[in-house]
PDB file of all heavy atoms in Angstrom:
ATOM      1  N   THR A   1      14.047  -0.015  -0.953  1.00  0.00           N
ATOM      2  CA  THR A   1      14.633   0.015   0.368  1.00  0.00           C
ATOM      3  C   THR A   1      13.513   0.291   1.400  1.00  0.00           C
ATOM      4  O   THR A   1      12.811   1.273   1.267  1.00  0.00           O
ATOM      5  CB  THR A   1      15.699   1.110   0.480  1.00  0.00           C
ATOM      6  OG1 THR A   1      16.718   0.809  -0.469  1.00  0.00           O
ATOM      7  CG2 THR A   1      16.312   1.167   1.870  1.00  0.00           C
ATOM      8  N   ARG A   2      13.335  -0.629   2.350  1.00  0.00           N
ATOM      9  CA  ARG A   2      12.243  -0.449   3.307  1.00  0.00           C
ATOM     10  C   ARG A   2      12.531   0.694   4.275  1.00  0.00           C
ATOM     11  O   ARG A   2      13.608   0.800   4.831  1.00  0.00           O
ATOM     12  CB  ARG A   2      12.088  -1.734   4.154  1.00  0.00           C
ATOM     13  CG  ARG A   2      10.730  -1.925   4.656  1.00  0.00           C
ATOM     14  CD  ARG A   2      10.643  -2.750   5.978  1.00  0.00           C
ATOM     15  NE  ARG A   2      10.939  -1.814   7.083  1.00  0.00           N
ATOM     16  CZ  ARG A   2      10.911  -2.205   8.344  1.00  0.00           C
ATOM     17  NH1 ARG A   2      10.673  -3.453   8.630  1.00  0.00           N
ATOM     18  NH2 ARG A   2      11.148  -1.327   9.314  1.00  0.00           N
ATOM     19  N   PRO A   3      11.611   1.640   4.417  1.00  0.00           N
ATOM     20  CA  PRO A   3      11.762   2.719   5.389  1.00  0.00           C
ATOM     21  C   PRO A   3      12.001   2.116   6.791  1.00  0.00           C
ATOM     22  O   PRO A   3      11.411   1.094   7.147  1.00  0.00           O
ATOM     23  CB  PRO A   3      10.457   3.494   5.322  1.00  0.00           C
ATOM     24  CG  PRO A   3       9.870   3.211   3.987  1.00  0.00           C
ATOM     25  CD  PRO A   3      10.341   1.761   3.675  1.00  0.00           C
ATOM     26  N   ARG A   4      12.900   2.746   7.560  1.00  0.00           N
ATOM     27  CA  ARG A   4      13.262   2.212   8.880  1.00  0.00           C
ATOM     28  C   ARG A   4      12.075   2.220   9.814  1.00  0.00           C
ATOM     29  O   ARG A   4      11.857   1.306  10.570  1.00  0.00           O
ATOM     30  CB  ARG A   4      14.414   3.020   9.443  1.00  0.00           C
ATOM     31  CG  ARG A   4      15.723   2.881   8.603  1.00  0.00           C
ATOM     32  CD  ARG A   4      16.832   3.626   9.232  1.00  0.00           C
ATOM     33  NE  ARG A   4      17.136   3.121  10.583  1.00  0.00           N
ATOM     34  CZ  ARG A   4      18.114   3.633  11.366  1.00  0.00           C
ATOM     35  NH1 ARG A   4      18.787   4.713  10.912  1.00  0.00           N
ATOM     36  NH2 ARG A   4      18.384   3.150  12.525  1.00  0.00           N
ATOM     37  N   ALA A   5      11.300   3.252   9.842  1.00  0.00           N
ATOM     38  CA  ALA A   5      10.165   3.364  10.704  1.00  0.00           C
ATOM     39  C   ALA A   5       9.025   2.412  10.235  1.00  0.00           C
ATOM     40  O   ALA A   5       8.668   2.507   9.069  1.00  0.00           O
ATOM     41  CB  ALA A   5       9.661   4.807  10.880  1.00  0.00           C
ATOM     42  N   ALA A   6       8.478   1.630  11.109  1.00  0.00           N
ATOM     43  CA  ALA A   6       7.442   0.676  10.688  1.00  0.00           C
ATOM     44  C   ALA A   6       6.244   1.348  10.105  1.00  0.00           C
ATOM     45  O   ALA A   6       5.691   0.892   9.151  1.00  0.00           O
ATOM     46  CB  ALA A   6       7.077  -0.229  11.933  1.00  0.00           C
ATOM     47  N   VAL A   7       5.857   2.484  10.681  1.00  0.00           N
ATOM     48  CA  VAL A   7       4.633   3.197  10.223  1.00  0.00           C
ATOM     49  C   VAL A   7       4.846   3.683   8.838  1.00  0.00           C
ATOM     50  O   VAL A   7       3.938   3.699   7.964  1.00  0.00           O
ATOM     51  CB  VAL A   7       4.223   4.278  11.199  1.00  0.00           C
ATOM     52  CG1 VAL A   7       5.232   5.365  11.278  1.00  0.00           C
ATOM     53  CG2 VAL A   7       2.848   4.769  10.870  1.00  0.00           C
ATOM     54  N   ARG A   8       6.064   4.154   8.542  1.00  0.00           N
ATOM     55  CA  ARG A   8       6.354   4.663   7.162  1.00  0.00           C
ATOM     56  C   ARG A   8       6.414   3.501   6.202  1.00  0.00           C
ATOM     57  O   ARG A   8       6.012   3.641   5.061  1.00  0.00           O
ATOM     58  CB  ARG A   8       7.697   5.427   7.126  1.00  0.00           C
ATOM     59  CG  ARG A   8       7.734   6.695   7.966  1.00  0.00           C
ATOM     60  CD  ARG A   8       7.033   7.866   7.263  1.00  0.00           C
ATOM     61  NE  ARG A   8       5.593   7.845   7.356  1.00  0.00           N
ATOM     62  CZ  ARG A   8       4.948   8.246   8.395  1.00  0.00           C
ATOM     63  NH1 ARG A   8       5.571   8.824   9.397  1.00  0.00           N
ATOM     64  NH2 ARG A   8       3.630   8.249   8.427  1.00  0.00           N
ATOM     65  N   ALA A   9       6.979   2.398   6.568  1.00  0.00           N
ATOM     66  CA  ALA A   9       6.978   1.196   5.734  1.00  0.00           C
ATOM     67  C   ALA A   9       5.576   0.755   5.384  1.00  0.00           C
ATOM     68  O   ALA A   9       5.284   0.375   4.248  1.00  0.00           O
ATOM     69  CB  ALA A   9       7.768   0.066   6.410  1.00  0.00           C
ATOM     70  N   LEU A  10       4.725   0.764   6.355  1.00  0.00           N
ATOM     71  CA  LEU A  10       3.292   0.389   6.121  1.00  0.00           C
ATOM     72  C   LEU A  10       2.644   1.370   5.215  1.00  0.00           C
ATOM     73  O   LEU A  10       1.830   1.035   4.333  1.00  0.00           O
ATOM     74  CB  LEU A  10       2.549   0.258   7.436  1.00  0.00           C
ATOM     75  CG  LEU A  10       1.066  -0.223   7.307  1.00  0.00           C
ATOM     76  CD1 LEU A  10       1.012  -1.567   6.581  1.00  0.00           C
ATOM     77  CD2 LEU A  10       0.414  -0.283   8.689  1.00  0.00           C
ATOM     78  N   ASP A  11       2.929   2.678   5.389  1.00  0.00           N
ATOM     79  CA  ASP A  11       2.369   3.719   4.504  1.00  0.00           C
ATOM     80  C   ASP A  11       2.801   3.451   3.045  1.00  0.00           C
ATOM     81  O   ASP A  11       2.032   3.589   2.137  1.00  0.00           O
ATOM     82  CB  ASP A  11       2.873   5.131   4.945  1.00  0.00           C
ATOM     83  CG  ASP A  11       2.159   5.596   6.213  1.00  0.00           C
ATOM     84  OD1 ASP A  11       1.127   5.004   6.564  1.00  0.00           O
ATOM     85  OD2 ASP A  11       2.673   6.538   6.821  1.00  0.00           O
ATOM     86  N   LEU A  12       4.062   3.085   2.852  1.00  0.00           N
ATOM     87  CA  LEU A  12       4.525   2.852   1.513  1.00  0.00           C
ATOM     88  C   LEU A  12       3.863   1.627   0.907  1.00  0.00           C
ATOM     89  O   LEU A  12       3.431   1.627  -0.263  1.00  0.00           O
ATOM     90  CB  LEU A  12       6.029   2.647   1.507  1.00  0.00           C
ATOM     91  CG  LEU A  12       6.672   2.275   0.146  1.00  0.00           C
ATOM     92  CD1 LEU A  12       6.307   3.371  -0.899  1.00  0.00           C
ATOM     93  CD2 LEU A  12       8.179   2.126   0.226  1.00  0.00           C
ATOM     94  N   HIS A  13       3.703   0.567   1.680  1.00  0.00           N
ATOM     95  CA  HIS A  13       2.999  -0.626   1.246  1.00  0.00           C
ATOM     96  C   HIS A  13       1.538  -0.256   0.763  1.00  0.00           C
ATOM     97  O   HIS A  13       1.093  -0.672  -0.266  1.00  0.00           O
ATOM     98  CB  HIS A  13       2.966  -1.700   2.261  1.00  0.00           C
ATOM     99  CG  HIS A  13       2.108  -2.893   1.888  1.00  0.00           C
ATOM    100  ND1 HIS A  13       2.435  -3.791   0.870  1.00  0.00           N
ATOM    101  CD2 HIS A  13       0.845  -3.270   2.296  1.00  0.00           C
ATOM    102  CE1 HIS A  13       1.477  -4.681   0.738  1.00  0.00           C
ATOM    103  NE2 HIS A  13       0.494  -4.333   1.574  1.00  0.00           N
ATOM    104  N   LEU A  14       0.852   0.487   1.621  1.00  0.00           N
ATOM    105  CA  LEU A  14      -0.493   0.850   1.343  1.00  0.00           C
ATOM    106  C   LEU A  14      -0.619   1.701   0.087  1.00  0.00           C
ATOM    107  O   LEU A  14      -1.533   1.659  -0.695  1.00  0.00           O
ATOM    108  CB  LEU A  14      -1.172   1.561   2.551  1.00  0.00           C
ATOM    109  CG  LEU A  14      -1.339   0.612   3.785  1.00  0.00           C
ATOM    110  CD1 LEU A  14      -1.876   1.498   4.965  1.00  0.00           C
ATOM    111  CD2 LEU A  14      -2.287  -0.526   3.486  1.00  0.00           C
ATOM    112  N   LEU A  15       0.412   2.610  -0.097  1.00  0.00           N
ATOM    113  CA  LEU A  15       0.458   3.466  -1.265  1.00  0.00           C
ATOM    114  C   LEU A  15       0.609   2.597  -2.491  1.00  0.00           C
ATOM    115  O   LEU A  15      -0.062   2.782  -3.537  1.00  0.00           O
ATOM    116  CB  LEU A  15       1.596   4.405  -1.164  1.00  0.00           C
ATOM    117  CG  LEU A  15       1.869   5.328  -2.376  1.00  0.00           C
ATOM    118  CD1 LEU A  15       0.685   6.115  -2.801  1.00  0.00           C
ATOM    119  CD2 LEU A  15       3.070   6.271  -2.041  1.00  0.00           C
ATOM    120  N   LEU A  16       1.492   1.565  -2.448  1.00  0.00           N
ATOM    121  CA  LEU A  16       1.650   0.732  -3.628  1.00  0.00           C
ATOM    122  C   LEU A  16       0.448  -0.130  -3.872  1.00  0.00           C
ATOM    123  O   LEU A  16       0.062  -0.347  -5.035  1.00  0.00           O
ATOM    124  CB  LEU A  16       2.873  -0.239  -3.330  1.00  0.00           C
ATOM    125  CG  LEU A  16       4.248   0.472  -3.208  1.00  0.00           C
ATOM    126  CD1 LEU A  16       5.334  -0.513  -2.833  1.00  0.00           C
ATOM    127  CD2 LEU A  16       4.621   1.254  -4.482  1.00  0.00           C
ATOM    128  N   ARG A  17      -0.218  -0.635  -2.856  1.00  0.00           N
ATOM    129  CA  ARG A  17      -1.408  -1.405  -2.987  1.00  0.00           C
ATOM    130  C   ARG A  17      -2.517  -0.557  -3.675  1.00  0.00           C
ATOM    131  O   ARG A  17      -3.209  -1.004  -4.586  1.00  0.00           O
ATOM    132  CB  ARG A  17      -1.974  -1.872  -1.642  1.00  0.00           C
ATOM    133  CG  ARG A  17      -3.161  -2.766  -1.699  1.00  0.00           C
ATOM    134  CD  ARG A  17      -3.761  -3.073  -0.302  1.00  0.00           C
ATOM    135  NE  ARG A  17      -4.354  -1.872   0.280  1.00  0.00           N
ATOM    136  CZ  ARG A  17      -5.188  -1.882   1.323  1.00  0.00           C
ATOM    137  NH1 ARG A  17      -5.508  -3.058   1.871  1.00  0.00           N
ATOM    138  NH2 ARG A  17      -5.660  -0.790   1.791  1.00  0.00           N
ATOM    139  N   ARG A  18      -2.619   0.726  -3.232  1.00  0.00           N
ATOM    140  CA  ARG A  18      -3.575   1.628  -3.876  1.00  0.00           C
ATOM    141  C   ARG A  18      -3.196   1.954  -5.315  1.00  0.00           C
ATOM    142  O   ARG A  18      -4.071   1.961  -6.198  1.00  0.00           O
ATOM    143  CB  ARG A  18      -3.660   2.894  -3.022  1.00  0.00           C
ATOM    144  CG  ARG A  18      -4.756   3.828  -3.510  1.00  0.00           C
ATOM    145  CD  ARG A  18      -5.020   4.966  -2.483  1.00  0.00           C
ATOM    146  NE  ARG A  18      -3.861   5.826  -2.304  1.00  0.00           N
ATOM    147  CZ  ARG A  18      -3.164   5.967  -1.197  1.00  0.00           C
ATOM    148  NH1 ARG A  18      -3.507   5.273  -0.106  1.00  0.00           N
ATOM    149  NH2 ARG A  18      -2.167   6.801  -1.094  1.00  0.00           N
ATOM    150  N   PHE A  19      -1.921   2.173  -5.549  1.00  0.00           N
ATOM    151  CA  PHE A  19      -1.456   2.444  -6.891  1.00  0.00           C
ATOM    152  C   PHE A  19      -1.816   1.368  -7.896  1.00  0.00           C
ATOM    153  O   PHE A  19      -2.187   1.597  -9.015  1.00  0.00           O
ATOM    154  CB  PHE A  19       0.062   2.657  -6.881  1.00  0.00           C
ATOM    155  CG  PHE A  19       0.703   2.864  -8.227  1.00  0.00           C
ATOM    156  CD1 PHE A  19       0.659   4.058  -8.870  1.00  0.00           C
ATOM    157  CD2 PHE A  19       1.408   1.816  -8.819  1.00  0.00           C
ATOM    158  CE1 PHE A  19       1.237   4.245 -10.120  1.00  0.00           C
ATOM    159  CE2 PHE A  19       1.994   1.953 -10.078  1.00  0.00           C
ATOM    160  CZ  PHE A  19       1.902   3.192 -10.690  1.00  0.00           C
ATOM    161  N   LEU A  20      -1.724   0.104  -7.419  1.00  0.00           N
ATOM    162  CA  LEU A  20      -2.053  -1.068  -8.292  1.00  0.00           C
ATOM    163  C   LEU A  20      -3.517  -1.291  -8.421  1.00  0.00           C
ATOM    164  O   LEU A  20      -3.952  -2.146  -9.198  1.00  0.00           O
ATOM    165  CB  LEU A  20      -1.364  -2.318  -7.719  1.00  0.00           C
ATOM    166  CG  LEU A  20       0.158  -2.317  -7.740  1.00  0.00           C
ATOM    167  CD1 LEU A  20       0.681  -3.507  -6.920  1.00  0.00           C
ATOM    168  CD2 LEU A  20       0.673  -2.444  -9.140  1.00  0.00           C
ATOM    169  N   GLY A  21      -4.366  -0.500  -7.725  1.00  0.00           N
ATOM    170  CA  GLY A  21      -5.817  -0.675  -7.809  1.00  0.00           C
ATOM    171  C   GLY A  21      -6.364  -1.881  -7.086  1.00  0.00           C
ATOM    172  O   GLY A  21      -7.484  -2.265  -7.327  1.00  0.00           O
ATOM    173  N   LEU A  22      -5.583  -2.410  -6.142  1.00  0.00           N
ATOM    174  CA  LEU A  22      -6.014  -3.648  -5.484  1.00  0.00           C
ATOM    175  C   LEU A  22      -7.103  -3.429  -4.474  1.00  0.00           C
ATOM    176  O   LEU A  22      -7.726  -4.406  -4.063  1.00  0.00           O
ATOM    177  CB  LEU A  22      -4.767  -4.311  -4.800  1.00  0.00           C
ATOM    178  CG  LEU A  22      -3.639  -4.648  -5.789  1.00  0.00           C
ATOM    179  CD1 LEU A  22      -2.513  -5.339  -4.990  1.00  0.00           C
ATOM    180  CD2 LEU A  22      -4.083  -5.483  -6.943  1.00  0.00           C
ATOM    181  N   GLU A  23      -7.343  -2.266  -4.057  1.00  0.00           N
ATOM    182  CA  GLU A  23      -8.446  -2.027  -3.093  1.00  0.00           C
ATOM    183  C   GLU A  23      -9.760  -1.633  -3.815  1.00  0.00           C
ATOM    184  O   GLU A  23     -10.792  -1.410  -3.158  1.00  0.00           O
ATOM    185  CB  GLU A  23      -8.078  -0.912  -2.094  1.00  0.00           C
ATOM    186  CG  GLU A  23      -7.814   0.445  -2.687  1.00  0.00           C
ATOM    187  CD  GLU A  23      -7.401   1.482  -1.676  1.00  0.00           C
ATOM    188  OE1 GLU A  23      -6.915   1.110  -0.584  1.00  0.00           O
ATOM    189  OE2 GLU A  23      -7.523   2.668  -2.036  1.00  0.00           O
ATOM    190  N   GLN A  24      -9.754  -1.653  -5.116  1.00  0.00           N
ATOM    191  CA  GLN A  24     -10.933  -1.311  -5.873  1.00  0.00           C
ATOM    192  C   GLN A  24     -11.965  -2.479  -5.790  1.00  0.00           C
ATOM    193  O   GLN A  24     -11.574  -3.635  -5.807  1.00  0.00           O
ATOM    194  CB  GLN A  24     -10.627  -0.973  -7.299  1.00  0.00           C
ATOM    195  CG  GLN A  24      -9.836   0.298  -7.422  1.00  0.00           C
ATOM    196  CD  GLN A  24      -9.353   0.581  -8.844  1.00  0.00           C
ATOM    197  OE1 GLN A  24      -9.796  -0.095  -9.772  1.00  0.00           O
ATOM    198  NE2 GLN A  24      -8.390   1.477  -8.941  1.00  0.00           N
ATOM    199  N   PRO A  25     -13.236  -2.180  -5.652  1.00  0.00           N
ATOM    200  CA  PRO A  25     -14.266  -3.202  -5.448  1.00  0.00           C
ATOM    201  C   PRO A  25     -14.663  -3.878  -6.770  1.00  0.00           C
ATOM    202  O   PRO A  25     -15.817  -3.899  -7.227  1.00  0.00           O
ATOM    203  CB  PRO A  25     -15.437  -2.441  -4.862  1.00  0.00           C
ATOM    204  CG  PRO A  25     -15.310  -1.057  -5.489  1.00  0.00           C
ATOM    205  CD  PRO A  25     -13.845  -0.812  -5.609  1.00  0.00           C
ATOM    206  N   LEU A  26     -13.678  -4.590  -7.384  1.00  0.00           N
ATOM    207  CA  LEU A  26     -13.896  -5.147  -8.707  1.00  0.00           C
ATOM    208  C   LEU A  26     -14.920  -6.284  -8.638  1.00  0.00           C
ATOM    209  O   LEU A  26     -15.784  -6.405  -9.493  1.00  0.00           O
ATOM    210  CB  LEU A  26     -12.528  -5.693  -9.221  1.00  0.00           C
ATOM    211  CG  LEU A  26     -12.372  -5.727 -10.733  1.00  0.00           C
ATOM    212  CD1 LEU A  26     -12.550  -4.297 -11.304  1.00  0.00           C
ATOM    213  CD2 LEU A  26     -10.998  -6.236 -11.130  1.00  0.00           C
ATOM    214  N   ALA A  27     -14.803  -7.171  -7.621  1.00  0.00           N
ATOM    215  CA  ALA A  27     -15.711  -8.284  -7.506  1.00  0.00           C
ATOM    216  C   ALA A  27     -17.144  -7.773  -7.341  1.00  0.00           C
ATOM    217  O   ALA A  27     -18.081  -8.368  -7.989  1.00  0.00           O
ATOM    218  CB  ALA A  27     -15.310  -9.206  -6.339  1.00  0.00           C
ATOM    219  N   GLU A  28     -17.379  -6.772  -6.534  1.00  0.00           N
ATOM    220  CA  GLU A  28     -18.698  -6.277  -6.323  1.00  0.00           C
ATOM    221  C   GLU A  28     -19.263  -5.659  -7.613  1.00  0.00           C
ATOM    222  O   GLU A  28     -20.437  -5.832  -7.935  1.00  0.00           O
ATOM    223  CB  GLU A  28     -18.704  -5.190  -5.214  1.00  0.00           C
ATOM    224  CG  GLU A  28     -18.355  -5.767  -3.811  1.00  0.00           C
ATOM    225  CD  GLU A  28     -16.894  -5.733  -3.496  1.00  0.00           C
ATOM    226  OE1 GLU A  28     -16.054  -5.836  -4.469  1.00  0.00           O
ATOM    227  OE2 GLU A  28     -16.565  -5.706  -2.330  1.00  0.00           O
TER     228      GLU A  28
END
């Protein structure tokens, strides 16, 4: 369920992106 506040929704997305390790510098 998407949080109603846009900033909280973005925080959740960034948390999930980090949880999946997608911001790790794998290519480098």
